[in-house]
Amino acid sequence: MTDSLMLKTLDFTTAYFGVLLGQCALISFFLFPLIFLLREILFKKNIFLKGMSWGLLLLTPFLGKLKIIYEEDLFRRLLDCWNIPCMNCWWVRYGYLFGMIVCAVFLFSGRKRLVKFVKQMERVQICGQEVRINKLAATPFTAGLFCPDIVVPEVMQKELEKEELEVILMHENNHIRLGHLWYYLLWDLLQILLWPNVFFGICRKYFQQDFEEICDRITIQKSGQSAYDYGMLLLKSIQILGNGKSGAEGGGAAVAFAGEGDYGELRQRILKVSAFRPYPKPAVVAWGVAGIMMLAGVFFLVIHSSYPRYVEENYIVVKENNKDPIVILDSEEYAHALSWDDSRVLIHRVAMDRLLEKYGVEGKQFWLGFGGYSKIPKMGSGGNCVEVDYRGKEEILQIPYSNSENNFWIALVKQMP
């Protein structure tokens, strides 16, 4: 019995999260165009706000329980194209889970290979800082989360001046200080959860370009260099690397100084560097605080406009043999006729007589269903059922029962987000 309940709970959990994440993936298709509108129109001249606009993606895993998508006809019909197959077909919901596993293996195996590759490199001191030396002619990059390593190619260590190496290390340290490696991890996690959305793969390079541009601007201002000198250092670094292939960058697990883009992307980066103007640091901090507050405000609005973890069901079901079940939705209608606790059902005969007469229940033996909960509309579980022998004359009929909701698995499902 326990094993069967556990398997049913696991299947329900798979269906529940399959429905939610599938809906979030569909909604996120519309979120990417919004982000690009913000980047290219509203925040076009402010790279810091452009970078922050990607924060809207953090909302996507929480959009699946919004009340509006269940209560508005247009949204409900659109999302039912996914919800109904996911709830009714086991291969659909388990297929979504399988897709998540495949995506996670692909992304995190790349991260693991990168970390292993970096750990094999020699440690040296450059400009008073410990870095890893790469024998390959690859662009400098940073990898790792808790103990990040800066990797510099041996050829650049030999050919660049000390002052130039200091600027490159400053650029990589800015990535670490600003938490960009953690942002790439969040991107990977979102891509795993919402893997059907191909925009996560397509837009990754724009996401990375924005953070490279942010680091370029911060590095120019902190180093005291002119935009011309910084641009020349960028070109010199690329020239030194020549046609060397990286082979070490982990698809977002690392952030790089010189980059590996094509000519058009490099040209755009140089043009943006050449257009650098000093920025007021207090204003950037203010934009950051305002952006975080706005994102937090939208997040709390989403939570407030969503269904809670679970809703107790207040309707009852009366079922006679060989007849269709009768569902009584209004709890006030049966409140005087029926009540229950964890061990017994109490039927108040006078009020119950009126209720049964109203709904045309004539038999003296019937089944009574009550209780249960729902996570989202059309998805719930629990509930109890008792057989009622109504042939007696007791003023209050007491029916003992074993409450099926008093178990670990149902309590666990109720507390799931």
Protein backbone atom coordinates (compact mmCIF):
# COMPACT_ATOMS: atom_id res chain seq x y z
CA MET A 1 0.00 0.00 0.00
CA THR A 2 2.79 2.42 0.94
CA ASP A 3 4.79 1.59 -2.20
CA SER A 4 1.72 2.08 -4.38
CA LEU A 5 0.99 5.45 -2.77
CA MET A 6 4.62 6.50 -3.22
CA LEU A 7 4.54 5.63 -6.95
CA LYS A 8 1.25 7.48 -7.42
CA THR A 9 2.71 10.49 -5.62
CA LEU A 10 5.82 10.45 -7.84
CA ASP A 11 3.65 10.21 -10.96
CA PHE A 12 1.44 13.07 -9.77
CA THR A 13 4.54 15.15 -8.96
CA THR A 14 5.95 14.51 -12.45
CA ALA A 15 2.65 15.52 -14.05
CA TYR A 16 2.31 18.59 -11.82
CA PHE A 17 5.78 19.98 -12.49
CA GLY A 18 5.50 18.95 -16.15
CA VAL A 19 2.38 21.09 -16.49
CA LEU A 20 3.90 24.05 -14.62
CA LEU A 21 7.27 24.03 -16.37
CA GLY A 22 5.70 23.43 -19.78
CA GLN A 23 3.50 26.48 -19.23
CA CYS A 24 6.51 28.51 -18.07
CA ALA A 25 8.41 27.46 -21.20
CA LEU A 26 5.52 28.62 -23.41
CA ILE A 27 5.24 31.94 -21.56
CA SER A 28 9.01 32.49 -21.77
CA PHE A 29 8.77 32.48 -25.58
CA PHE A 30 6.99 35.84 -25.25
CA LEU A 31 9.41 37.14 -22.61
CA PHE A 32 12.46 37.09 -24.89
CA PRO A 33 10.95 39.56 -27.43
CA LEU A 34 10.11 41.86 -24.49
CA ILE A 35 13.73 41.74 -23.30
CA PHE A 36 15.02 42.54 -26.79
CA LEU A 37 12.60 45.46 -27.07
CA LEU A 38 13.98 46.82 -23.79
CA ARG A 39 17.60 46.25 -24.91
CA GLU A 40 17.26 47.77 -28.38
CA ILE A 41 14.83 50.63 -27.70
CA LEU A 42 14.42 51.69 -24.08
CA PHE A 43 17.90 50.81 -22.74
CA LYS A 44 19.87 51.03 -25.99
CA LYS A 45 22.25 53.70 -24.70
CA ASN A 46 22.67 52.32 -21.18
CA ILE A 47 24.57 49.03 -21.06
CA PHE A 48 24.01 48.61 -17.32
CA LEU A 49 20.23 48.65 -17.74
CA LYS A 50 20.54 46.44 -20.82
CA GLY A 51 22.33 43.86 -18.72
CA MET A 52 19.74 44.10 -15.96
CA SER A 53 16.87 43.50 -18.40
CA TRP A 54 17.93 39.83 -18.56
CA GLY A 55 16.84 39.58 -14.92
CA LEU A 56 13.24 39.27 -16.15
CA LEU A 57 14.03 35.66 -17.04
CA LEU A 58 14.36 34.90 -13.32
CA LEU A 59 10.58 35.27 -13.09
CA THR A 60 9.82 32.52 -15.61
CA PRO A 61 9.81 29.49 -13.22
CA PHE A 62 7.17 31.25 -11.10
CA LEU A 63 4.69 32.14 -13.87
CA GLY A 64 3.04 28.71 -14.14
CA LYS A 65 0.58 29.30 -11.27
CA LEU A 66 -0.65 32.76 -12.29
CA LYS A 67 -4.43 32.88 -11.82
CA ILE A 68 -4.96 34.81 -15.05
CA ILE A 69 -3.72 31.95 -17.26
CA TYR A 70 -6.35 29.62 -15.78
CA GLU A 71 -9.22 32.09 -15.52
CA GLU A 72 -8.98 33.88 -18.89
CA ASP A 73 -10.42 31.94 -21.83
CA LEU A 74 -7.69 32.87 -24.32
CA PHE A 75 -4.79 31.82 -22.08
CA ARG A 76 -6.56 28.67 -20.89
CA ARG A 77 -7.23 27.46 -24.44
CA LEU A 78 -3.67 28.18 -25.50
CA LEU A 79 -2.08 26.40 -22.55
CA ASP A 80 -4.53 23.47 -22.63
CA CYS A 81 -2.71 22.37 -25.79
CA TRP A 82 0.06 21.36 -23.39
CA ASN A 83 -1.76 20.77 -20.10
CA ILE A 84 -4.24 18.14 -21.27
CA PRO A 85 -1.68 15.85 -22.97
CA CYS A 86 0.72 16.26 -20.03
CA MET A 87 -1.93 15.27 -17.48
CA ASN A 88 -3.40 12.40 -19.52
CA CYS A 89 -0.38 10.88 -21.33
CA TRP A 90 2.42 9.45 -19.22
CA TRP A 91 4.92 9.57 -22.10
CA VAL A 92 4.39 13.34 -22.48
CA ARG A 93 5.20 14.21 -18.86
CA TYR A 94 8.06 11.73 -18.61
CA GLY A 95 9.32 12.94 -21.98
CA TYR A 96 9.61 16.45 -20.52
CA LEU A 97 11.52 15.06 -17.54
CA PHE A 98 13.81 13.11 -19.89
CA GLY A 99 14.49 16.31 -21.87
CA MET A 100 15.53 18.07 -18.65
CA ILE A 101 17.92 15.24 -17.77
CA VAL A 102 19.51 15.24 -21.25
CA CYS A 103 19.92 19.03 -21.18
CA ALA A 104 21.44 18.92 -17.67
CA VAL A 105 23.91 16.19 -18.66
CA PHE A 106 24.96 18.17 -21.74
CA LEU A 107 25.46 21.48 -19.92
CA PHE A 108 27.05 20.22 -16.72
CA SER A 109 29.33 17.71 -18.41
CA GLY A 110 30.77 20.68 -20.32
CA ARG A 111 31.30 22.52 -17.05
CA LYS A 112 32.94 19.46 -15.51
CA ARG A 113 35.31 19.05 -18.46
CA LEU A 114 36.27 22.72 -18.24
CA VAL A 115 36.99 22.56 -14.50
CA LYS A 116 39.06 19.40 -14.98
CA PHE A 117 40.98 21.05 -17.83
CA VAL A 118 41.69 24.18 -15.77
CA LYS A 119 42.84 22.23 -12.67
CA GLN A 120 45.54 20.55 -14.76
CA MET A 121 47.11 23.90 -15.68
CA GLU A 122 50.18 25.29 -13.97
CA ARG A 123 49.75 28.01 -11.32
CA VAL A 124 51.96 31.10 -11.55
CA GLN A 125 52.07 34.61 -10.10
CA ILE A 126 51.30 37.46 -12.51
CA CYS A 127 51.17 41.02 -11.19
CA GLY A 128 50.93 39.70 -7.64
CA GLN A 129 47.98 37.44 -8.43
CA GLU A 130 47.86 33.67 -8.80
CA VAL A 131 46.58 32.58 -12.22
CA ARG A 132 46.53 29.45 -14.37
CA ILE A 133 48.69 29.26 -17.51
CA ASN A 134 47.12 27.76 -20.62
CA LYS A 135 49.49 26.17 -23.14
CA LEU A 136 46.84 26.69 -25.85
CA ALA A 137 46.52 29.98 -27.73
CA ALA A 138 43.12 30.66 -26.17
CA THR A 139 41.64 33.94 -25.00
CA PRO A 140 42.00 34.66 -21.24
CA PHE A 141 38.94 33.51 -19.32
CA THR A 142 37.62 32.91 -15.83
CA ALA A 143 36.07 29.64 -14.66
CA GLY A 144 34.77 28.29 -11.36
CA LEU A 145 32.14 29.41 -8.86
CA PHE A 146 33.36 29.19 -5.26
CA CYS A 147 37.09 29.38 -6.05
CA PRO A 148 37.25 30.92 -9.53
CA ASP A 149 40.45 30.65 -11.55
CA ILE A 150 41.71 33.19 -14.06
CA VAL A 151 43.34 31.49 -17.05
CA VAL A 152 45.91 33.33 -19.20
CA PRO A 153 47.50 31.79 -22.31
CA GLU A 154 51.25 31.32 -22.13
CA VAL A 155 51.78 33.24 -25.36
CA MET A 156 50.13 36.37 -23.91
CA GLN A 157 52.06 36.05 -20.66
CA LYS A 158 55.28 36.22 -22.67
CA GLU A 159 54.38 38.92 -25.18
CA LEU A 160 52.31 41.43 -23.22
CA GLU A 161 53.74 44.12 -20.94
CA LYS A 162 53.09 44.01 -17.20
CA GLU A 163 50.70 46.99 -17.39
CA GLU A 164 48.73 45.27 -20.18
CA LEU A 165 48.46 42.04 -18.18
CA GLU A 166 47.21 44.06 -15.20
CA VAL A 167 44.35 45.42 -17.33
CA ILE A 168 43.42 41.93 -18.54
CA LEU A 169 43.42 40.59 -14.97
CA MET A 170 41.32 43.57 -13.87
CA HIS A 171 38.77 42.70 -16.58
CA GLU A 172 38.56 39.08 -15.41
CA ASN A 173 38.38 40.12 -11.75
CA ASN A 174 35.46 42.38 -12.61
CA HIS A 175 33.61 39.34 -13.96
CA ILE A 176 34.23 37.57 -10.64
CA ARG A 177 33.34 40.58 -8.49
CA LEU A 178 30.08 41.22 -10.36
CA GLY A 179 29.04 37.55 -10.09
CA HIS A 180 28.83 36.93 -13.83
CA LEU A 181 29.84 33.28 -13.43
CA TRP A 182 26.83 32.78 -11.16
CA TYR A 183 24.58 34.47 -13.73
CA TYR A 184 25.76 31.94 -16.32
CA LEU A 185 24.91 29.14 -13.90
CA LEU A 186 21.40 30.58 -13.46
CA TRP A 187 21.09 30.74 -17.25
CA ASP A 188 22.00 27.05 -17.47
CA LEU A 189 19.49 26.13 -14.76
CA LEU A 190 16.72 28.04 -16.54
CA GLN A 191 17.66 26.38 -19.83
CA ILE A 192 17.37 22.96 -18.14
CA LEU A 193 13.98 23.69 -16.58
CA LEU A 194 12.57 25.31 -19.74
CA TRP A 195 14.51 23.29 -22.32
CA PRO A 196 11.83 23.42 -25.10
CA ASN A 197 12.48 27.17 -25.44
CA VAL A 198 15.21 27.37 -28.10
CA PHE A 199 15.73 31.07 -27.34
CA PHE A 200 17.95 30.09 -24.40
CA GLY A 201 20.42 28.61 -26.84
CA ILE A 202 20.03 31.33 -29.48
CA CYS A 203 20.26 34.30 -27.10
CA ARG A 204 23.13 33.09 -24.93
CA LYS A 205 25.67 35.03 -27.03
CA TYR A 206 23.73 38.30 -26.59
CA PHE A 207 23.58 37.65 -22.85
CA GLN A 208 27.36 37.16 -22.79
CA GLN A 209 28.01 40.18 -25.04
CA ASP A 210 26.14 42.47 -22.65
CA PHE A 211 28.22 41.33 -19.68
CA GLU A 212 31.44 41.64 -21.67
CA GLU A 213 30.50 45.21 -22.56
CA ILE A 214 29.72 45.98 -18.91
CA CYS A 215 33.15 44.66 -17.88
CA ASP A 216 34.84 46.60 -20.70
CA ARG A 217 33.36 49.87 -19.45
CA ILE A 218 34.15 49.22 -15.80
CA THR A 219 37.71 48.16 -16.64
CA ILE A 220 38.38 51.25 -18.79
CA GLN A 221 37.17 53.56 -16.03
CA LYS A 222 38.95 51.75 -13.17
CA SER A 223 42.24 51.34 -15.05
CA GLY A 224 42.46 55.01 -16.01
CA GLN A 225 43.20 54.04 -19.61
CA SER A 226 41.72 55.82 -22.59
CA ALA A 227 39.19 53.98 -24.73
CA TYR A 228 41.77 54.06 -27.55
CA ASP A 229 44.43 52.30 -25.46
CA TYR A 230 41.96 49.68 -24.27
CA GLY A 231 40.76 49.02 -27.81
CA MET A 232 44.35 48.67 -29.00
CA LEU A 233 45.03 46.18 -26.18
CA LEU A 234 42.01 44.18 -27.28
CA LEU A 235 43.25 44.13 -30.89
CA LYS A 236 46.78 43.27 -29.78
CA SER A 237 45.49 40.35 -27.71
CA ILE A 238 43.55 38.97 -30.67
CA GLN A 239 46.57 39.40 -32.92
CA ILE A 240 48.78 37.48 -30.48
CA LEU A 241 46.30 34.66 -30.25
CA GLY A 242 46.19 34.50 -34.04
CA ASN A 243 44.15 31.61 -35.30
CA GLY A 244 44.47 29.53 -32.11
CA LYS A 245 41.36 27.62 -31.14
CA SER A 246 40.10 27.67 -27.58
CA GLY A 247 38.61 24.22 -27.14
CA ALA A 248 38.44 25.02 -23.43
CA GLU A 249 35.50 27.30 -23.01
CA GLY A 250 32.49 25.62 -21.53
CA GLY A 251 29.54 27.17 -23.33
CA GLY A 252 28.83 29.81 -20.71
CA ALA A 253 30.76 28.19 -17.87
CA ALA A 254 33.62 30.65 -18.52
CA VAL A 255 33.86 34.35 -19.34
CA ALA A 256 36.55 35.60 -21.70
CA PHE A 257 38.50 38.81 -22.31
CA ALA A 258 39.16 38.76 -26.06
CA GLY A 259 36.18 36.64 -27.03
CA GLU A 260 35.77 34.12 -29.84
CA GLY A 261 33.17 35.89 -31.99
CA ASP A 262 33.26 36.54 -35.72
CA TYR A 263 34.50 39.73 -37.41
CA GLY A 264 31.12 41.48 -37.10
CA GLU A 265 30.90 40.87 -33.35
CA LEU A 266 34.50 41.99 -32.84
CA ARG A 267 33.88 45.14 -34.86
CA GLN A 268 30.80 45.96 -32.77
CA ARG A 269 32.75 45.47 -29.56
CA ILE A 270 35.58 47.75 -30.74
CA LEU A 271 33.04 50.40 -31.80
CA LYS A 272 31.39 50.27 -28.37
CA VAL A 273 34.78 50.58 -26.66
CA SER A 274 35.65 53.58 -28.84
CA ALA A 275 32.36 55.24 -27.86
CA PHE A 276 33.15 54.96 -24.14
CA ARG A 277 32.37 57.97 -21.98
CA PRO A 278 33.06 58.12 -18.23
CA TYR A 279 29.95 57.26 -16.23
CA PRO A 280 28.93 58.50 -12.76
CA LYS A 281 29.35 55.57 -10.36
CA PRO A 282 26.58 56.74 -7.94
CA ALA A 283 24.13 56.77 -10.85
CA VAL A 284 25.05 53.19 -11.80
CA VAL A 285 24.58 52.08 -8.18
CA ALA A 286 21.21 53.86 -8.11
CA TRP A 287 20.15 52.13 -11.35
CA GLY A 288 21.20 48.79 -9.88
CA VAL A 289 19.23 49.32 -6.67
CA ALA A 290 16.19 50.56 -8.60
CA GLY A 291 16.39 47.58 -10.96
CA ILE A 292 16.59 45.08 -8.10
CA MET A 293 13.65 46.75 -6.35
CA MET A 294 11.56 46.70 -9.53
CA LEU A 295 12.38 43.04 -10.13
CA ALA A 296 11.52 42.21 -6.51
CA GLY A 297 8.26 44.15 -6.86
CA VAL A 298 7.29 42.24 -9.99
CA PHE A 299 8.22 38.96 -8.27
CA PHE A 300 5.96 39.69 -5.28
CA LEU A 301 3.19 40.77 -7.65
CA VAL A 302 3.51 37.43 -9.47
CA ILE A 303 3.39 35.49 -6.18
CA HIS A 304 0.40 37.54 -4.98
CA SER A 305 -1.44 36.89 -8.27
CA SER A 306 -0.76 33.14 -8.21
CA TYR A 307 -2.51 30.21 -6.56
CA PRO A 308 -1.20 29.21 -3.10
CA ARG A 309 0.63 25.93 -2.48
CA TYR A 310 -2.73 24.15 -2.23
CA VAL A 311 -6.42 24.87 -1.76
CA GLU A 312 -8.68 22.66 0.36
CA GLU A 313 -11.68 21.42 -1.63
CA ASN A 314 -15.03 22.28 -0.05
CA TYR A 315 -17.43 20.36 -2.28
CA ILE A 316 -18.99 16.94 -1.63
CA VAL A 317 -20.00 14.17 -4.03
CA VAL A 318 -23.05 11.90 -3.60
CA LYS A 319 -23.08 8.69 -5.67
CA GLU A 320 -25.89 6.15 -5.85
CA ASN A 321 -25.41 2.80 -7.56
CA ASN A 322 -26.07 2.94 -11.31
CA LYS A 323 -26.57 6.71 -11.25
CA ASP A 324 -24.37 9.66 -12.15
CA PRO A 325 -22.57 11.31 -9.24
CA ILE A 326 -24.03 14.52 -7.85
CA VAL A 327 -21.54 17.27 -7.01
CA ILE A 328 -22.60 19.84 -4.41
CA LEU A 329 -20.21 22.79 -4.67
CA ASP A 330 -21.71 25.22 -2.16
CA SER A 331 -20.32 24.43 1.29
CA GLU A 332 -22.98 26.60 2.94
CA GLU A 333 -25.63 24.38 1.38
CA TYR A 334 -24.45 21.24 3.15
CA ALA A 335 -22.91 22.88 6.25
CA HIS A 336 -25.90 22.01 8.48
CA ALA A 337 -26.25 18.51 7.06
CA LEU A 338 -22.71 17.21 7.12
CA SER A 339 -19.46 17.66 9.03
CA TRP A 340 -16.34 15.59 9.57
CA ASP A 341 -13.09 15.39 11.50
CA ASP A 342 -10.06 13.10 11.25
CA SER A 343 -11.89 9.96 12.39
CA ARG A 344 -15.64 10.23 11.76
CA VAL A 345 -18.34 11.73 9.55
CA LEU A 346 -21.38 13.30 11.22
CA ILE A 347 -24.66 13.41 9.26
CA HIS A 348 -27.47 15.54 10.72
CA ARG A 349 -30.55 13.71 9.50
CA VAL A 350 -33.13 16.53 9.30
CA ALA A 351 -30.90 18.84 7.27
CA MET A 352 -29.59 15.90 5.20
CA ASP A 353 -33.15 14.83 4.34
CA ARG A 354 -33.80 18.25 2.81
CA LEU A 355 -30.51 18.16 0.90
CA LEU A 356 -31.11 14.66 -0.53
CA GLU A 357 -34.67 15.56 -1.51
CA LYS A 358 -33.46 18.70 -3.30
CA TYR A 359 -30.96 16.73 -5.43
CA GLY A 360 -33.26 13.77 -6.05
CA VAL A 361 -31.36 11.17 -4.04
CA GLU A 362 -33.94 8.49 -3.21
CA GLY A 363 -31.84 5.49 -2.21
CA LYS A 364 -31.10 4.60 1.38
CA GLN A 365 -27.57 3.49 0.59
CA PHE A 366 -25.09 5.69 -1.25
CA TRP A 367 -21.45 6.77 -1.32
CA LEU A 368 -20.33 10.12 0.03
CA GLY A 369 -17.06 11.75 -1.08
CA PHE A 370 -15.52 14.74 0.68
CA GLY A 371 -12.24 16.55 1.37
CA GLY A 372 -9.19 16.63 -0.87
CA TYR A 373 -7.13 19.50 -2.20
CA SER A 374 -6.02 21.06 -5.48
CA LYS A 375 -2.60 22.44 -6.40
CA ILE A 376 -3.87 24.20 -9.53
CA PRO A 377 -7.26 23.92 -11.29
CA LYS A 378 -7.89 20.34 -12.48
CA MET A 379 -4.87 19.00 -10.58
CA GLY A 380 -5.35 17.73 -7.06
CA SER A 381 -5.53 14.65 -4.92
CA GLY A 382 -6.54 13.35 -1.53
CA GLY A 383 -10.12 13.18 -0.37
CA ASN A 384 -12.10 10.44 1.39
CA CYS A 385 -15.13 8.33 0.63
CA VAL A 386 -17.56 6.55 2.97
CA GLU A 387 -20.54 4.28 2.37
CA VAL A 388 -23.69 5.67 3.98
CA ASP A 389 -26.43 3.35 5.26
CA TYR A 390 -29.35 5.75 5.60
CA ARG A 391 -32.00 3.25 6.73
CA GLY A 392 -31.77 4.05 10.43
CA LYS A 393 -33.55 6.73 12.44
CA GLU A 394 -30.67 8.33 14.34
CA GLU A 395 -30.87 12.10 14.62
CA ILE A 396 -27.08 12.25 14.09
CA LEU A 397 -25.55 9.43 12.07
CA GLN A 398 -21.87 8.78 12.91
CA ILE A 399 -19.68 6.95 10.38
CA PRO A 400 -16.10 6.11 11.36
CA TYR A 401 -13.43 6.23 8.64
CA SER A 402 -9.67 6.27 8.17
CA ASN A 403 -8.50 9.65 6.89
CA SER A 404 -6.42 8.98 3.75
CA GLU A 405 -4.87 12.46 3.92
CA ASN A 406 -3.03 11.72 7.17
CA ASN A 407 0.15 10.43 5.55
CA PHE A 408 3.63 11.68 4.69
CA TRP A 409 3.25 11.67 0.90
CA ILE A 410 0.15 13.83 0.73
CA ALA A 411 1.64 16.24 3.28
CA LEU A 412 4.76 16.45 1.09
CA VAL A 413 2.77 17.13 -2.10
CA LYS A 414 0.77 19.84 -0.35
CA GLN A 415 3.94 21.71 0.58
CA MET A 416 5.46 21.58 -2.90
CA PRO A 417 5.66 25.06 -4.50
